[in-house]
Amino acid sequence: MSVAELKNDLIQLAIETDNPTVLEKVIGYFHTLQDEEDWWDALSPDERAFIENSSLQINEGEIVGSADVRKEARQILNN
């Protein structure tokens, strides 16, 4: 859906409602979204690289379950 279509849908929804609470919440939500900084932009390059690498590992099935981690930790701690 294009930006113009999305805007038209929002305008139509606003026109069709007479509920001021709904309209106030929508306005508040828009302000919140516009004021928020994207969390990705706040990350350092190292943090971004770590997340991207982790995502790649997950997608390639290179994951270890929590039960396996606990088992290995117990083995290490008991030695």
PDB file of N, CA and C in Angstrom:
ATOM      1  N   MET A   1       0.852  -1.170   0.000  1.00  0.00           N
ATOM      2  CA  MET A   1       0.000   0.000   0.000  1.00  0.00           C
ATOM      3  C   MET A   1       0.899   1.235   0.000  1.00  0.00           C
ATOM      4  N   SER A   2       0.585   2.191  -0.824  1.00  0.00           N
ATOM      5  CA  SER A   2       1.413   3.391  -0.939  1.00  0.00           C
ATOM      6  C   SER A   2       1.172   4.340   0.240  1.00  0.00           C
ATOM      7  N   VAL A   3       2.061   5.285   0.389  1.00  0.00           N
ATOM      8  CA  VAL A   3       1.916   6.282   1.458  1.00  0.00           C
ATOM      9  C   VAL A   3       0.630   7.077   1.262  1.00  0.00           C
ATOM     10  N   ALA A   4       0.328   7.441   0.021  1.00  0.00           N
ATOM     11  CA  ALA A   4      -0.898   8.201  -0.258  1.00  0.00           C
ATOM     12  C   ALA A   4      -2.135   7.399   0.128  1.00  0.00           C
ATOM     13  N   GLU A   5      -2.123   6.105  -0.162  1.00  0.00           N
ATOM     14  CA  GLU A   5      -3.266   5.259   0.203  1.00  0.00           C
ATOM     15  C   GLU A   5      -3.406   5.142   1.717  1.00  0.00           C
ATOM     16  N   LEU A   6      -2.289   4.999   2.392  1.00  0.00           N
ATOM     17  CA  LEU A   6      -2.322   4.927   3.855  1.00  0.00           C
ATOM     18  C   LEU A   6      -2.878   6.210   4.459  1.00  0.00           C
ATOM     19  N   LYS A   7      -2.422   7.338   3.940  1.00  0.00           N
ATOM     20  CA  LYS A   7      -2.921   8.628   4.431  1.00  0.00           C
ATOM     21  C   LYS A   7      -4.420   8.757   4.178  1.00  0.00           C
ATOM     22  N   ASN A   8      -4.857   8.367   2.999  1.00  0.00           N
ATOM     23  CA  ASN A   8      -6.290   8.434   2.691  1.00  0.00           C
ATOM     24  C   ASN A   8      -7.097   7.550   3.637  1.00  0.00           C
ATOM     25  N   ASP A   9      -6.584   6.353   3.940  1.00  0.00           N
ATOM     26  CA  ASP A   9      -7.281   5.465   4.882  1.00  0.00           C
ATOM     27  C   ASP A   9      -7.371   6.105   6.267  1.00  0.00           C
ATOM     28  N   LEU A  10      -6.284   6.711   6.728  1.00  0.00           N
ATOM     29  CA  LEU A  10      -6.303   7.368   8.035  1.00  0.00           C
ATOM     30  C   LEU A  10      -7.281   8.533   8.072  1.00  0.00           C
ATOM     31  N   ILE A  11      -7.268   9.313   7.019  1.00  0.00           N
ATOM     32  CA  ILE A  11      -8.192  10.456   6.941  1.00  0.00           C
ATOM     33  C   ILE A  11      -9.626   9.959   6.971  1.00  0.00           C
ATOM     34  N   GLN A  12      -9.904   8.901   6.211  1.00  0.00           N
ATOM     35  CA  GLN A  12     -11.265   8.361   6.170  1.00  0.00           C
ATOM     36  C   GLN A  12     -11.696   7.855   7.542  1.00  0.00           C
ATOM     37  N   LEU A  13     -10.798   7.163   8.227  1.00  0.00           N
ATOM     38  CA  LEU A  13     -11.121   6.680   9.570  1.00  0.00           C
ATOM     39  C   LEU A  13     -11.388   7.841  10.528  1.00  0.00           C
ATOM     40  N   ALA A  14     -10.590   8.888  10.431  1.00  0.00           N
ATOM     41  CA  ALA A  14     -10.783  10.057  11.290  1.00  0.00           C
ATOM     42  C   ALA A  14     -12.114  10.735  10.996  1.00  0.00           C
ATOM     43  N   ILE A  15     -12.469  10.814   9.735  1.00  0.00           N
ATOM     44  CA  ILE A  15     -13.732  11.447   9.349  1.00  0.00           C
ATOM     45  C   ILE A  15     -14.917  10.641   9.868  1.00  0.00           C
ATOM     46  N   GLU A  16     -14.802   9.328   9.838  1.00  0.00           N
ATOM     47  CA  GLU A  16     -15.930   8.462  10.190  1.00  0.00           C
ATOM     48  C   GLU A  16     -16.168   8.343  11.689  1.00  0.00           C
ATOM     49  N   THR A  17     -15.208   8.730  12.528  1.00  0.00           N
ATOM     50  CA  THR A  17     -15.416   8.589  13.966  1.00  0.00           C
ATOM     51  C   THR A  17     -15.836   9.912  14.591  1.00  0.00           C
ATOM     52  N   ASP A  18     -16.696   9.802  15.572  1.00  0.00           N
ATOM     53  CA  ASP A  18     -17.097  10.964  16.363  1.00  0.00           C
ATOM     54  C   ASP A  18     -16.625  10.815  17.804  1.00  0.00           C
ATOM     55  N   ASN A  19     -15.743   9.852  18.018  1.00  0.00           N
ATOM     56  CA  ASN A  19     -15.262   9.561  19.353  1.00  0.00           C
ATOM     57  C   ASN A  19     -13.993  10.383  19.619  1.00  0.00           C
ATOM     58  N   PRO A  20     -14.103  11.419  20.461  1.00  0.00           N
ATOM     59  CA  PRO A  20     -12.934  12.261  20.715  1.00  0.00           C
ATOM     60  C   PRO A  20     -11.797  11.507  21.406  1.00  0.00           C
ATOM     61  N   THR A  21     -12.121  10.503  22.199  1.00  0.00           N
ATOM     62  CA  THR A  21     -11.084   9.725  22.874  1.00  0.00           C
ATOM     63  C   THR A  21     -10.212   8.997  21.863  1.00  0.00           C
ATOM     64  N   VAL A  22     -10.826   8.399  20.863  1.00  0.00           N
ATOM     65  CA  VAL A  22     -10.079   7.699  19.820  1.00  0.00           C
ATOM     66  C   VAL A  22      -9.176   8.680  19.081  1.00  0.00           C
ATOM     67  N   LEU A  23      -9.730   9.822  18.717  1.00  0.00           N
ATOM     68  CA  LEU A  23      -8.949  10.823  17.981  1.00  0.00           C
ATOM     69  C   LEU A  23      -7.788  11.345  18.814  1.00  0.00           C
ATOM     70  N   GLU A  24      -8.018  11.579  20.113  1.00  0.00           N
ATOM     71  CA  GLU A  24      -6.947  12.052  20.994  1.00  0.00           C
ATOM     72  C   GLU A  24      -5.839  11.004  21.124  1.00  0.00           C
ATOM     73  N   LYS A  25      -6.232   9.728  21.213  1.00  0.00           N
ATOM     74  CA  LYS A  25      -5.233   8.665  21.320  1.00  0.00           C
ATOM     75  C   LYS A  25      -4.415   8.549  20.042  1.00  0.00           C
ATOM     76  N   VAL A  26      -5.066   8.686  18.902  1.00  0.00           N
ATOM     77  CA  VAL A  26      -4.356   8.614  17.627  1.00  0.00           C
ATOM     78  C   VAL A  26      -3.356   9.769  17.519  1.00  0.00           C
ATOM     79  N   ILE A  27      -3.800  10.953  17.886  1.00  0.00           N
ATOM     80  CA  ILE A  27      -2.908  12.117  17.859  1.00  0.00           C
ATOM     81  C   ILE A  27      -1.724  11.892  18.800  1.00  0.00           C
ATOM     82  N   GLY A  28      -2.008  11.408  20.006  1.00  0.00           N
ATOM     83  CA  GLY A  28      -0.941  11.138  20.971  1.00  0.00           C
ATOM     84  C   GLY A  28       0.031  10.093  20.462  1.00  0.00           C
ATOM     85  N   TYR A  29      -0.501   9.068  19.815  1.00  0.00           N
ATOM     86  CA  TYR A  29       0.357   8.010  19.268  1.00  0.00           C
ATOM     87  C   TYR A  29       1.260   8.561  18.175  1.00  0.00           C
ATOM     88  N   PHE A  30       0.713   9.398  17.316  1.00  0.00           N
ATOM     89  CA  PHE A  30       1.523  10.021  16.262  1.00  0.00           C
ATOM     90  C   PHE A  30       2.649  10.857  16.867  1.00  0.00           C
ATOM     91  N   HIS A  31       2.330  11.659  17.874  1.00  0.00           N
ATOM     92  CA  HIS A  31       3.356  12.483  18.517  1.00  0.00           C
ATOM     93  C   HIS A  31       4.438  11.612  19.151  1.00  0.00           C
ATOM     94  N   THR A  32       4.024  10.529  19.798  1.00  0.00           N
ATOM     95  CA  THR A  32       4.987   9.625  20.418  1.00  0.00           C
ATOM     96  C   THR A  32       5.911   9.022  19.379  1.00  0.00           C
ATOM     97  N   LEU A  33       5.335   8.561  18.275  1.00  0.00           N
ATOM     98  CA  LEU A  33       6.141   7.945  17.225  1.00  0.00           C
ATOM     99  C   LEU A  33       7.103   8.941  16.582  1.00  0.00           C
ATOM    100  N   GLN A  34       6.656  10.162  16.405  1.00  0.00           N
ATOM    101  CA  GLN A  34       7.495  11.172  15.768  1.00  0.00           C
ATOM    102  C   GLN A  34       8.615  11.639  16.682  1.00  0.00           C
ATOM    103  N   ASP A  35       8.379  11.611  17.991  1.00  0.00           N
ATOM    104  CA  ASP A  35       9.371  12.082  18.948  1.00  0.00           C
ATOM    105  C   ASP A  35      10.401  11.019  19.309  1.00  0.00           C
ATOM    106  N   GLU A  36      10.057   9.743  19.108  1.00  0.00           N
ATOM    107  CA  GLU A  36      10.953   8.664  19.488  1.00  0.00           C
ATOM    108  C   GLU A  36      12.102   8.525  18.499  1.00  0.00           C
ATOM    109  N   GLU A  37      13.261   8.308  19.065  1.00  0.00           N
ATOM    110  CA  GLU A  37      14.426   8.006  18.243  1.00  0.00           C
ATOM    111  C   GLU A  37      14.407   6.514  17.960  1.00  0.00           C
ATOM    112  N   ASP A  38      14.724   6.125  16.765  1.00  0.00           N
ATOM    113  CA  ASP A  38      14.800   4.710  16.427  1.00  0.00           C
ATOM    114  C   ASP A  38      15.928   4.094  17.239  1.00  0.00           C
ATOM    115  N   TRP A  39      15.637   3.023  17.971  1.00  0.00           N
ATOM    116  CA  TRP A  39      16.635   2.421  18.854  1.00  0.00           C
ATOM    117  C   TRP A  39      17.850   1.949  18.068  1.00  0.00           C
ATOM    118  N   TRP A  40      17.664   1.558  16.830  1.00  0.00           N
ATOM    119  CA  TRP A  40      18.786   1.090  16.016  1.00  0.00           C
ATOM    120  C   TRP A  40      19.804   2.219  15.806  1.00  0.00           C
ATOM    121  N   ASP A  41      19.294   3.433  15.591  1.00  0.00           N
ATOM    122  CA  ASP A  41      20.171   4.581  15.371  1.00  0.00           C
ATOM    123  C   ASP A  41      20.981   4.942  16.614  1.00  0.00           C
ATOM    124  N   ALA A  42      20.485   4.555  17.781  1.00  0.00           N
ATOM    125  CA  ALA A  42      21.170   4.876  19.032  1.00  0.00           C
ATOM    126  C   ALA A  42      22.285   3.878  19.362  1.00  0.00           C
ATOM    127  N   LEU A  43      22.365   2.779  18.614  1.00  0.00           N
ATOM    128  CA  LEU A  43      23.375   1.757  18.885  1.00  0.00           C
ATOM    129  C   LEU A  43      24.729   2.142  18.301  1.00  0.00           C
ATOM    130  N   SER A  44      25.772   1.657  18.955  1.00  0.00           N
ATOM    131  CA  SER A  44      27.122   1.867  18.437  1.00  0.00           C
ATOM    132  C   SER A  44      27.348   0.911  17.263  1.00  0.00           C
ATOM    133  N   PRO A  45      28.343   1.173  16.441  1.00  0.00           N
ATOM    134  CA  PRO A  45      28.651   0.240  15.345  1.00  0.00           C
ATOM    135  C   PRO A  45      28.951  -1.180  15.841  1.00  0.00           C
ATOM    136  N   ASP A  46      29.622  -1.294  16.995  1.00  0.00           N
ATOM    137  CA  ASP A  46      29.911  -2.622  17.547  1.00  0.00           C
ATOM    138  C   ASP A  46      28.626  -3.342  17.958  1.00  0.00           C
ATOM    139  N   GLU A  47      27.699  -2.604  18.565  1.00  0.00           N
ATOM    140  CA  GLU A  47      26.432  -3.212  18.970  1.00  0.00           C
ATOM    141  C   GLU A  47      25.622  -3.663  17.752  1.00  0.00           C
ATOM    142  N   ARG A  48      25.616  -2.835  16.712  1.00  0.00           N
ATOM    143  CA  ARG A  48      24.910  -3.208  15.480  1.00  0.00           C
ATOM    144  C   ARG A  48      25.520  -4.462  14.860  1.00  0.00           C
ATOM    145  N   ALA A  49      26.852  -4.514  14.817  1.00  0.00           N
ATOM    146  CA  ALA A  49      27.535  -5.669  14.241  1.00  0.00           C
ATOM    147  C   ALA A  49      27.221  -6.932  15.043  1.00  0.00           C
ATOM    148  N   PHE A  50      27.194  -6.809  16.364  1.00  0.00           N
ATOM    149  CA  PHE A  50      26.880  -7.952  17.214  1.00  0.00           C
ATOM    150  C   PHE A  50      25.481  -8.476  16.922  1.00  0.00           C
ATOM    151  N   ILE A  51      24.513  -7.571  16.818  1.00  0.00           N
ATOM    152  CA  ILE A  51      23.129  -7.966  16.543  1.00  0.00           C
ATOM    153  C   ILE A  51      23.012  -8.597  15.157  1.00  0.00           C
ATOM    154  N   GLU A  52      23.655  -7.993  14.175  1.00  0.00           N
ATOM    155  CA  GLU A  52      23.588  -8.536  12.820  1.00  0.00           C
ATOM    156  C   GLU A  52      24.221  -9.924  12.754  1.00  0.00           C
ATOM    157  N   ASN A  53      25.355 -10.108  13.434  1.00  0.00           N
ATOM    158  CA  ASN A  53      26.016 -11.406  13.470  1.00  0.00           C
ATOM    159  C   ASN A  53      25.139 -12.433  14.187  1.00  0.00           C
ATOM    160  N   SER A  54      24.533 -12.037  15.281  1.00  0.00           N
ATOM    161  CA  SER A  54      23.657 -12.934  16.027  1.00  0.00           C
ATOM    162  C   SER A  54      22.461 -13.352  15.179  1.00  0.00           C
ATOM    163  N   SER A  55      21.896 -12.417  14.462  1.00  0.00           N
ATOM    164  CA  SER A  55      20.761 -12.716  13.586  1.00  0.00           C
ATOM    165  C   SER A  55      21.161 -13.703  12.493  1.00  0.00           C
ATOM    166  N   LEU A  56      22.343 -13.503  11.935  1.00  0.00           N
ATOM    167  CA  LEU A  56      22.854 -14.414  10.904  1.00  0.00           C
ATOM    168  C   LEU A  56      23.033 -15.822  11.480  1.00  0.00           C
ATOM    169  N   GLN A  57      23.577 -15.905  12.682  1.00  0.00           N
ATOM    170  CA  GLN A  57      23.771 -17.209  13.322  1.00  0.00           C
ATOM    171  C   GLN A  57      22.430 -17.905  13.562  1.00  0.00           C
ATOM    172  N   ILE A  58      21.440 -17.166  13.995  1.00  0.00           N
ATOM    173  CA  ILE A  58      20.113 -17.745  14.218  1.00  0.00           C
ATOM    174  C   ILE A  58      19.538 -18.259  12.903  1.00  0.00           C
ATOM    175  N   ASN A  59      19.633 -17.448  11.859  1.00  0.00           N
ATOM    176  CA  ASN A  59      19.095 -17.834  10.556  1.00  0.00           C
ATOM    177  C   ASN A  59      19.787 -19.063   9.990  1.00  0.00           C
ATOM    178  N   GLU A  60      21.054 -19.276  10.355  1.00  0.00           N
ATOM    179  CA  GLU A  60      21.804 -20.427   9.871  1.00  0.00           C
ATOM    180  C   GLU A  60      21.711 -21.622  10.818  1.00  0.00           C
ATOM    181  N   GLY A  61      20.884 -21.487  11.855  1.00  0.00           N
ATOM    182  CA  GLY A  61      20.682 -22.593  12.789  1.00  0.00           C
ATOM    183  C   GLY A  61      21.804 -22.792  13.783  1.00  0.00           C
ATOM    184  N   GLU A  62      22.665 -21.814  13.910  1.00  0.00           N
ATOM    185  CA  GLU A  62      23.803 -21.910  14.839  1.00  0.00           C
ATOM    186  C   GLU A  62      23.394 -21.399  16.215  1.00  0.00           C
ATOM    187  N   ILE A  63      22.484 -22.147  16.837  1.00  0.00           N
ATOM    188  CA  ILE A  63      21.999 -21.724  18.146  1.00  0.00           C
ATOM    189  C   ILE A  63      22.172 -22.860  19.142  1.00  0.00           C
ATOM    190  N   VAL A  64      22.220 -22.514  20.407  1.00  0.00           N
ATOM    191  CA  VAL A  64      22.324 -23.483  21.481  1.00  0.00           C
ATOM    192  C   VAL A  64      21.160 -23.221  22.427  1.00  0.00           C
ATOM    193  N   GLY A  65      20.435 -24.258  22.754  1.00  0.00           N
ATOM    194  CA  GLY A  65      19.297 -24.121  23.654  1.00  0.00           C
ATOM    195  C   GLY A  65      19.733 -23.833  25.077  1.00  0.00           C
ATOM    196  N   SER A  66      18.831 -23.245  25.854  1.00  0.00           N
ATOM    197  CA  SER A  66      19.158 -22.889  27.237  1.00  0.00           C
ATOM    198  C   SER A  66      19.437 -24.122  28.083  1.00  0.00           C
ATOM    199  N   ALA A  67      18.777 -25.236  27.806  1.00  0.00           N
ATOM    200  CA  ALA A  67      19.037 -26.471  28.557  1.00  0.00           C
ATOM    201  C   ALA A  67      20.471 -26.929  28.346  1.00  0.00           C
ATOM    202  N   ASP A  68      20.965 -26.832  27.121  1.00  0.00           N
ATOM    203  CA  ASP A  68      22.355 -27.211  26.837  1.00  0.00           C
ATOM    204  C   ASP A  68      23.337 -26.286  27.549  1.00  0.00           C
ATOM    205  N   VAL A  69      23.023 -25.014  27.585  1.00  0.00           N
ATOM    206  CA  VAL A  69      23.898 -24.044  28.259  1.00  0.00           C
ATOM    207  C   VAL A  69      23.944 -24.340  29.754  1.00  0.00           C
ATOM    208  N   ARG A  70      22.784 -24.608  30.358  1.00  0.00           N
ATOM    209  CA  ARG A  70      22.751 -24.923  31.788  1.00  0.00           C
ATOM    210  C   ARG A  70      23.541 -26.201  32.086  1.00  0.00           C
ATOM    211  N   LYS A  71      23.393 -27.215  31.228  1.00  0.00           N
ATOM    212  CA  LYS A  71      24.110 -28.478  31.416  1.00  0.00           C
ATOM    213  C   LYS A  71      25.623 -28.250  31.364  1.00  0.00           C
ATOM    214  N   GLU A  72      26.070 -27.491  30.387  1.00  0.00           N
ATOM    215  CA  GLU A  72      27.500 -27.210  30.260  1.00  0.00           C
ATOM    216  C   GLU A  72      28.000 -26.379  31.446  1.00  0.00           C
ATOM    217  N   ALA A  73      27.195 -25.427  31.894  1.00  0.00           N
ATOM    218  CA  ALA A  73      27.587 -24.605  33.049  1.00  0.00           C
ATOM    219  C   ALA A  73      27.722 -25.464  34.293  1.00  0.00           C
ATOM    220  N   ARG A  74      26.781 -26.386  34.489  1.00  0.00           N
ATOM    221  CA  ARG A  74      26.865 -27.287  35.649  1.00  0.00           C
ATOM    222  C   ARG A  74      28.147 -28.133  35.588  1.00  0.00           C
ATOM    223  N   GLN A  75      28.469 -28.631  34.411  1.00  0.00           N
ATOM    224  CA  GLN A  75      29.684 -29.431  34.252  1.00  0.00           C
ATOM    225  C   GLN A  75      30.933 -28.607  34.585  1.00  0.00           C
ATOM    226  N   ILE A  76      30.969 -27.390  34.131  1.00  0.00           N
ATOM    227  CA  ILE A  76      32.124 -26.526  34.389  1.00  0.00           C
ATOM    228  C   ILE A  76      32.213 -26.203  35.878  1.00  0.00           C
ATOM    229  N   LEU A  77      31.088 -25.885  36.500  1.00  0.00           N
ATOM    230  CA  LEU A  77      31.077 -25.497  37.916  1.00  0.00           C
ATOM    231  C   LEU A  77      31.361 -26.661  38.848  1.00  0.00           C
ATOM    232  N   ASN A  78      31.033 -27.865  38.420  1.00  0.00           N
ATOM    233  CA  ASN A  78      31.272 -29.047  39.272  1.00  0.00           C
ATOM    234  C   ASN A  78      32.690 -29.551  39.184  1.00  0.00           C
ATOM    235  N   ASN A  79      33.490 -29.068  38.250  1.00  0.00           N
ATOM    236  CA  ASN A  79      34.881 -29.526  38.109  1.00  0.00           C
ATOM    237  C   ASN A  79      35.814 -28.713  38.953  1.00  0.00           C
TER     238      ASN A  79
END
